[in-house]
Amino acid sequence: MNASCSHGSACPMHATIDAQRNAAYALAALVAAAGLYFVFFKKDEPAVAGEKRKTKDLSALEGDEKTVASLVQEAGGSLYQSDLVAKTGFSKVRVTRILDKLENDGVLERKRRGMTNIVVLR
């Protein structure tokens, strides 16, 4: 303990060495205990936070909006906008306007992916 101090036991730091060592051990034990708690006792959260969104109630929607929203729901909650055009037989403009309304109502959202959009239920 006296390797870095030439004063020996007369050094004021010499009296605190044991307290410093004990504090370091206590801190290490606390970190280890917290780690063990999180590993063994913390409940796992679902990997996909949006699972509840995919079973959204679409009964309030009518007509074309309900058709589009139900197609997205049947596809697992997400679908390319171009696939919606193909499956519904509607024009691109009509699908875009329907999606605009549904997006404003908070039913779904569009995410830009390169040259296409992915439609996702909220």
N, C-alpha and C. Protein backbone atom coordinates (compact mmCIF):
# COMPACT_ATOMS: atom_id res chain seq x y z
N MET A 1 0.80 -1.19 0.00
CA MET A 1 0.00 0.00 0.00
C MET A 1 0.85 1.26 0.00
N ASN A 2 2.04 1.15 0.42
CA ASN A 2 2.90 2.32 0.53
C ASN A 2 3.75 2.52 -0.71
N ALA A 3 3.46 1.85 -1.80
CA ALA A 3 4.30 1.91 -2.98
C ALA A 3 4.29 3.29 -3.62
N SER A 4 3.17 4.01 -3.55
CA SER A 4 3.11 5.31 -4.20
C SER A 4 3.26 6.46 -3.22
N CYS A 5 3.36 6.16 -1.94
CA CYS A 5 3.46 7.22 -0.94
C CYS A 5 4.65 6.92 -0.03
N SER A 6 5.51 7.88 0.14
CA SER A 6 6.70 7.68 0.97
C SER A 6 6.45 8.06 2.43
N HIS A 7 5.27 8.55 2.77
CA HIS A 7 4.97 8.97 4.14
C HIS A 7 4.57 7.81 5.04
N GLY A 8 4.20 6.69 4.45
CA GLY A 8 3.81 5.52 5.23
C GLY A 8 2.49 5.73 5.93
N SER A 9 2.40 5.29 7.19
CA SER A 9 1.15 5.39 7.92
C SER A 9 0.85 6.81 8.36
N ALA A 10 1.78 7.73 8.21
CA ALA A 10 1.55 9.14 8.57
C ALA A 10 0.79 9.87 7.46
N CYS A 11 0.68 9.27 6.29
CA CYS A 11 -0.02 9.90 5.16
C CYS A 11 -1.53 9.92 5.44
N PRO A 12 -2.20 11.03 5.19
CA PRO A 12 -3.64 11.10 5.44
C PRO A 12 -4.45 10.15 4.54
N MET A 13 -3.93 9.78 3.41
CA MET A 13 -4.64 8.87 2.50
C MET A 13 -4.54 7.42 2.98
N HIS A 14 -3.53 7.12 3.80
CA HIS A 14 -3.33 5.75 4.27
C HIS A 14 -4.53 5.26 5.09
N ALA A 15 -5.14 6.14 5.83
CA ALA A 15 -6.27 5.76 6.69
C ALA A 15 -7.54 5.48 5.87
N THR A 16 -7.63 6.00 4.66
CA THR A 16 -8.85 5.83 3.87
C THR A 16 -8.76 4.71 2.84
N ILE A 17 -7.64 4.04 2.75
CA ILE A 17 -7.47 2.99 1.74
C ILE A 17 -8.48 1.86 1.94
N ASP A 18 -8.66 1.41 3.17
CA ASP A 18 -9.62 0.33 3.43
C ASP A 18 -11.05 0.75 3.10
N ALA A 19 -11.41 1.98 3.43
CA ALA A 19 -12.76 2.47 3.14
C ALA A 19 -12.98 2.56 1.63
N GLN A 20 -11.96 3.00 0.90
CA GLN A 20 -12.07 3.09 -0.56
C GLN A 20 -12.22 1.71 -1.18
N ARG A 21 -11.47 0.76 -0.69
CA ARG A 21 -11.55 -0.60 -1.21
C ARG A 21 -12.93 -1.19 -0.91
N ASN A 22 -13.43 -1.00 0.29
CA ASN A 22 -14.75 -1.52 0.66
C ASN A 22 -15.86 -0.86 -0.17
N ALA A 23 -15.73 0.42 -0.45
CA ALA A 23 -16.72 1.11 -1.28
C ALA A 23 -16.70 0.55 -2.70
N ALA A 24 -15.52 0.25 -3.23
CA ALA A 24 -15.41 -0.33 -4.57
C ALA A 24 -16.04 -1.72 -4.61
N TYR A 25 -15.81 -2.53 -3.58
CA TYR A 25 -16.42 -3.86 -3.52
C TYR A 25 -17.94 -3.76 -3.43
N ALA A 26 -18.43 -2.82 -2.62
CA ALA A 26 -19.88 -2.65 -2.47
C ALA A 26 -20.52 -2.23 -3.79
N LEU A 27 -19.87 -1.32 -4.51
CA LEU A 27 -20.39 -0.87 -5.80
C LEU A 27 -20.40 -2.02 -6.81
N ALA A 28 -19.34 -2.81 -6.83
CA ALA A 28 -19.28 -3.95 -7.74
C ALA A 28 -20.37 -4.98 -7.40
N ALA A 29 -20.61 -5.21 -6.11
CA ALA A 29 -21.66 -6.15 -5.70
C ALA A 29 -23.04 -5.62 -6.08
N LEU A 30 -23.25 -4.32 -5.95
CA LEU A 30 -24.53 -3.71 -6.32
C LEU A 30 -24.79 -3.85 -7.82
N VAL A 31 -23.78 -3.60 -8.63
CA VAL A 31 -23.92 -3.74 -10.08
C VAL A 31 -24.18 -5.20 -10.45
N ALA A 32 -23.49 -6.12 -9.81
CA ALA A 32 -23.71 -7.54 -10.09
C ALA A 32 -25.11 -7.98 -9.68
N ALA A 33 -25.59 -7.50 -8.53
CA ALA A 33 -26.94 -7.85 -8.08
C ALA A 33 -28.00 -7.29 -9.03
N ALA A 34 -27.81 -6.06 -9.50
CA ALA A 34 -28.76 -5.48 -10.44
C ALA A 34 -28.76 -6.26 -11.75
N GLY A 35 -27.60 -6.67 -12.21
CA GLY A 35 -27.51 -7.46 -13.43
C GLY A 35 -28.21 -8.80 -13.29
N LEU A 36 -28.02 -9.47 -12.16
CA LEU A 36 -28.70 -10.75 -11.93
C LEU A 36 -30.21 -10.57 -11.85
N TYR A 37 -30.66 -9.48 -11.24
CA TYR A 37 -32.10 -9.22 -11.17
C TYR A 37 -32.69 -9.09 -12.57
N PHE A 38 -32.04 -8.30 -13.43
CA PHE A 38 -32.57 -8.10 -14.77
C PHE A 38 -32.50 -9.36 -15.62
N VAL A 39 -31.53 -10.20 -15.38
CA VAL A 39 -31.41 -11.43 -16.16
C VAL A 39 -32.47 -12.45 -15.74
N PHE A 40 -32.70 -12.60 -14.43
CA PHE A 40 -33.56 -13.68 -13.97
C PHE A 40 -34.99 -13.28 -13.62
N PHE A 41 -35.21 -12.04 -13.22
CA PHE A 41 -36.53 -11.68 -12.71
C PHE A 41 -37.30 -10.68 -13.56
N LYS A 42 -36.67 -10.03 -14.47
CA LYS A 42 -37.36 -9.04 -15.30
C LYS A 42 -38.15 -9.76 -16.37
N LYS A 43 -39.45 -9.43 -16.50
CA LYS A 43 -40.28 -10.07 -17.52
C LYS A 43 -39.90 -9.57 -18.90
N ASP A 44 -39.94 -10.49 -19.85
CA ASP A 44 -39.61 -10.13 -21.22
C ASP A 44 -40.75 -9.35 -21.84
N GLU A 45 -40.41 -8.30 -22.55
CA GLU A 45 -41.39 -7.52 -23.30
C GLU A 45 -41.55 -8.17 -24.67
N PRO A 46 -42.69 -8.01 -25.30
CA PRO A 46 -42.85 -8.58 -26.64
C PRO A 46 -41.84 -7.96 -27.61
N ALA A 47 -41.33 -8.79 -28.51
CA ALA A 47 -40.32 -8.31 -29.45
C ALA A 47 -40.89 -7.31 -30.42
N VAL A 48 -42.15 -7.46 -30.78
CA VAL A 48 -42.79 -6.56 -31.72
C VAL A 48 -43.80 -5.72 -30.94
N ALA A 49 -43.55 -4.44 -30.88
CA ALA A 49 -44.42 -3.56 -30.10
C ALA A 49 -45.75 -3.33 -30.77
N GLY A 50 -45.85 -3.56 -32.05
CA GLY A 50 -47.07 -3.25 -32.79
C GLY A 50 -48.03 -4.40 -32.95
N GLU A 51 -47.89 -5.49 -32.19
CA GLU A 51 -48.78 -6.63 -32.35
C GLU A 51 -50.23 -6.27 -32.09
N LYS A 52 -50.50 -5.40 -31.13
CA LYS A 52 -51.87 -5.03 -30.81
C LYS A 52 -52.52 -4.24 -31.93
N ARG A 53 -51.71 -3.53 -32.68
CA ARG A 53 -52.25 -2.68 -33.74
C ARG A 53 -52.86 -3.49 -34.88
N LYS A 54 -52.42 -4.69 -35.09
CA LYS A 54 -52.84 -5.45 -36.26
C LYS A 54 -54.25 -6.00 -36.13
N THR A 55 -54.82 -5.93 -34.94
CA THR A 55 -56.19 -6.39 -34.74
C THR A 55 -57.12 -5.20 -34.52
N LYS A 56 -56.85 -4.13 -35.20
CA LYS A 56 -57.62 -2.90 -35.04
C LYS A 56 -59.06 -3.10 -35.51
N ASP A 57 -59.99 -2.48 -34.79
CA ASP A 57 -61.41 -2.57 -35.13
C ASP A 57 -61.71 -1.65 -36.30
N LEU A 58 -62.12 -2.23 -37.40
CA LEU A 58 -62.39 -1.46 -38.62
C LEU A 58 -63.88 -1.31 -38.87
N SER A 59 -64.70 -1.61 -37.88
CA SER A 59 -66.15 -1.59 -38.09
C SER A 59 -66.70 -0.18 -38.32
N ALA A 60 -65.97 0.85 -37.88
CA ALA A 60 -66.46 2.22 -38.06
C ALA A 60 -66.26 2.71 -39.50
N LEU A 61 -65.44 2.00 -40.27
CA LEU A 61 -65.17 2.41 -41.65
C LEU A 61 -66.26 1.89 -42.58
N GLU A 62 -66.40 2.57 -43.69
CA GLU A 62 -67.41 2.16 -44.67
C GLU A 62 -66.82 2.17 -46.08
N GLY A 63 -67.39 1.37 -46.94
CA GLY A 63 -67.09 1.39 -48.37
C GLY A 63 -65.66 1.07 -48.71
N ASP A 64 -65.10 1.92 -49.58
CA ASP A 64 -63.74 1.71 -50.09
C ASP A 64 -62.70 1.76 -48.98
N GLU A 65 -62.93 2.63 -47.99
CA GLU A 65 -61.99 2.74 -46.88
C GLU A 65 -61.90 1.42 -46.12
N LYS A 66 -63.05 0.81 -45.89
CA LYS A 66 -63.07 -0.47 -45.18
C LYS A 66 -62.39 -1.55 -46.02
N THR A 67 -62.61 -1.53 -47.32
CA THR A 67 -61.99 -2.50 -48.22
C THR A 67 -60.47 -2.41 -48.14
N VAL A 68 -59.96 -1.19 -48.25
CA VAL A 68 -58.50 -0.98 -48.24
C VAL A 68 -57.92 -1.35 -46.88
N ALA A 69 -58.55 -0.90 -45.80
CA ALA A 69 -58.02 -1.18 -44.46
C ALA A 69 -58.06 -2.67 -44.15
N SER A 70 -59.11 -3.36 -44.58
CA SER A 70 -59.18 -4.80 -44.31
C SER A 70 -58.15 -5.57 -45.12
N LEU A 71 -57.83 -5.12 -46.33
CA LEU A 71 -56.77 -5.77 -47.11
C LEU A 71 -55.42 -5.63 -46.40
N VAL A 72 -55.16 -4.45 -45.85
CA VAL A 72 -53.90 -4.25 -45.12
C VAL A 72 -53.88 -5.13 -43.88
N GLN A 73 -55.00 -5.22 -43.19
CA GLN A 73 -55.08 -6.04 -41.99
C GLN A 73 -54.88 -7.52 -42.32
N GLU A 74 -55.49 -8.00 -43.39
CA GLU A 74 -55.34 -9.40 -43.80
C GLU A 74 -53.91 -9.73 -44.21
N ALA A 75 -53.18 -8.72 -44.67
CA ALA A 75 -51.79 -8.93 -45.09
C ALA A 75 -50.83 -8.89 -43.91
N GLY A 76 -51.36 -8.86 -42.69
CA GLY A 76 -50.49 -8.86 -41.53
C GLY A 76 -50.17 -7.48 -41.00
N GLY A 77 -50.89 -6.48 -41.44
CA GLY A 77 -50.69 -5.14 -40.92
C GLY A 77 -49.86 -4.23 -41.78
N SER A 78 -49.27 -4.75 -42.84
CA SER A 78 -48.51 -3.89 -43.76
C SER A 78 -48.59 -4.45 -45.17
N LEU A 79 -48.58 -3.52 -46.13
CA LEU A 79 -48.75 -3.90 -47.53
C LEU A 79 -48.22 -2.76 -48.40
N TYR A 80 -47.62 -3.11 -49.52
CA TYR A 80 -47.18 -2.07 -50.45
C TYR A 80 -48.39 -1.40 -51.08
N GLN A 81 -48.26 -0.10 -51.32
CA GLN A 81 -49.36 0.65 -51.93
C GLN A 81 -49.65 0.12 -53.33
N SER A 82 -48.63 -0.27 -54.06
CA SER A 82 -48.85 -0.80 -55.41
C SER A 82 -49.63 -2.12 -55.37
N ASP A 83 -49.43 -2.91 -54.31
CA ASP A 83 -50.21 -4.14 -54.16
C ASP A 83 -51.67 -3.83 -53.87
N LEU A 84 -51.92 -2.75 -53.13
CA LEU A 84 -53.30 -2.33 -52.89
C LEU A 84 -54.00 -1.97 -54.19
N VAL A 85 -53.28 -1.27 -55.06
CA VAL A 85 -53.86 -0.89 -56.36
C VAL A 85 -54.21 -2.15 -57.14
N ALA A 86 -53.32 -3.14 -57.13
CA ALA A 86 -53.56 -4.37 -57.88
C ALA A 86 -54.71 -5.19 -57.28
N LYS A 87 -54.78 -5.29 -55.96
CA LYS A 87 -55.79 -6.12 -55.31
C LYS A 87 -57.18 -5.50 -55.34
N THR A 88 -57.26 -4.18 -55.27
CA THR A 88 -58.57 -3.53 -55.25
C THR A 88 -59.10 -3.27 -56.64
N GLY A 89 -58.21 -3.09 -57.60
CA GLY A 89 -58.64 -2.73 -58.95
C GLY A 89 -58.94 -1.24 -59.08
N PHE A 90 -58.72 -0.48 -58.01
CA PHE A 90 -58.92 0.97 -58.06
C PHE A 90 -57.74 1.61 -58.77
N SER A 91 -57.95 2.84 -59.24
CA SER A 91 -56.84 3.58 -59.86
C SER A 91 -55.86 4.02 -58.77
N LYS A 92 -54.65 4.37 -59.19
CA LYS A 92 -53.64 4.83 -58.25
C LYS A 92 -54.11 6.08 -57.51
N VAL A 93 -54.77 6.97 -58.24
CA VAL A 93 -55.25 8.21 -57.64
C VAL A 93 -56.30 7.91 -56.57
N ARG A 94 -57.21 7.01 -56.88
CA ARG A 94 -58.28 6.67 -55.94
C ARG A 94 -57.70 6.04 -54.67
N VAL A 95 -56.75 5.11 -54.83
CA VAL A 95 -56.12 4.48 -53.67
C VAL A 95 -55.38 5.53 -52.85
N THR A 96 -54.68 6.44 -53.52
CA THR A 96 -53.95 7.49 -52.81
C THR A 96 -54.90 8.35 -51.99
N ARG A 97 -56.03 8.72 -52.55
CA ARG A 97 -57.00 9.55 -51.83
C ARG A 97 -57.62 8.80 -50.66
N ILE A 98 -57.90 7.53 -50.84
CA ILE A 98 -58.44 6.72 -49.74
C ILE A 98 -57.40 6.62 -48.62
N LEU A 99 -56.15 6.39 -49.00
CA LEU A 99 -55.09 6.29 -47.99
C LEU A 99 -54.87 7.62 -47.28
N ASP A 100 -55.00 8.74 -48.03
CA ASP A 100 -54.89 10.06 -47.40
C ASP A 100 -55.93 10.21 -46.29
N LYS A 101 -57.16 9.83 -46.59
CA LYS A 101 -58.24 9.96 -45.60
C LYS A 101 -57.99 9.05 -44.41
N LEU A 102 -57.61 7.80 -44.66
CA LEU A 102 -57.34 6.87 -43.57
C LEU A 102 -56.15 7.31 -42.72
N GLU A 103 -55.17 7.90 -43.38
CA GLU A 103 -54.00 8.39 -42.65
C GLU A 103 -54.38 9.58 -41.77
N ASN A 104 -55.22 10.47 -42.30
CA ASN A 104 -55.68 11.61 -41.50
C ASN A 104 -56.56 11.18 -40.34
N ASP A 105 -57.30 10.09 -40.50
CA ASP A 105 -58.15 9.57 -39.43
C ASP A 105 -57.36 8.76 -38.40
N GLY A 106 -56.08 8.50 -38.67
CA GLY A 106 -55.24 7.77 -37.73
C GLY A 106 -55.37 6.26 -37.80
N VAL A 107 -55.95 5.76 -38.88
CA VAL A 107 -56.13 4.31 -39.03
C VAL A 107 -54.83 3.66 -39.49
N LEU A 108 -54.12 4.32 -40.39
CA LEU A 108 -52.89 3.75 -40.93
C LEU A 108 -51.90 4.87 -41.21
N GLU A 109 -50.70 4.47 -41.62
CA GLU A 109 -49.69 5.43 -42.04
C GLU A 109 -48.91 4.85 -43.21
N ARG A 110 -48.37 5.75 -44.02
CA ARG A 110 -47.55 5.34 -45.16
C ARG A 110 -46.10 5.66 -44.86
N LYS A 111 -45.23 4.72 -45.20
CA LYS A 111 -43.80 4.92 -45.02
C LYS A 111 -43.13 4.80 -46.37
N ARG A 112 -42.33 5.77 -46.69
CA ARG A 112 -41.64 5.80 -47.99
C ARG A 112 -40.51 4.80 -47.98
N ARG A 113 -40.49 3.92 -48.95
CA ARG A 113 -39.42 2.94 -49.14
C ARG A 113 -38.95 3.02 -50.58
N GLY A 114 -37.95 3.83 -50.82
CA GLY A 114 -37.45 4.00 -52.17
C GLY A 114 -38.48 4.64 -53.06
N MET A 115 -38.87 3.95 -54.12
CA MET A 115 -39.85 4.49 -55.06
C MET A 115 -41.28 4.08 -54.70
N THR A 116 -41.46 3.33 -53.62
CA THR A 116 -42.79 2.85 -53.26
C THR A 116 -43.12 3.26 -51.83
N ASN A 117 -44.39 3.05 -51.46
CA ASN A 117 -44.85 3.29 -50.10
C ASN A 117 -45.29 1.97 -49.48
N ILE A 118 -44.99 1.82 -48.20
CA ILE A 118 -45.54 0.70 -47.45
C ILE A 118 -46.64 1.27 -46.57
N VAL A 119 -47.81 0.66 -46.63
CA VAL A 119 -48.95 1.08 -45.83
C VAL A 119 -48.98 0.20 -44.58
N VAL A 120 -48.99 0.83 -43.39
CA VAL A 120 -48.93 0.11 -42.13
C VAL A 120 -50.10 0.54 -41.25
N LEU A 121 -50.80 -0.43 -40.66
CA LEU A 121 -51.86 -0.09 -39.71
C LEU A 121 -51.25 0.49 -38.45
N ARG A 122 -51.92 1.47 -37.87
CA ARG A 122 -51.43 2.04 -36.60
C ARG A 122 -51.95 1.26 -35.44
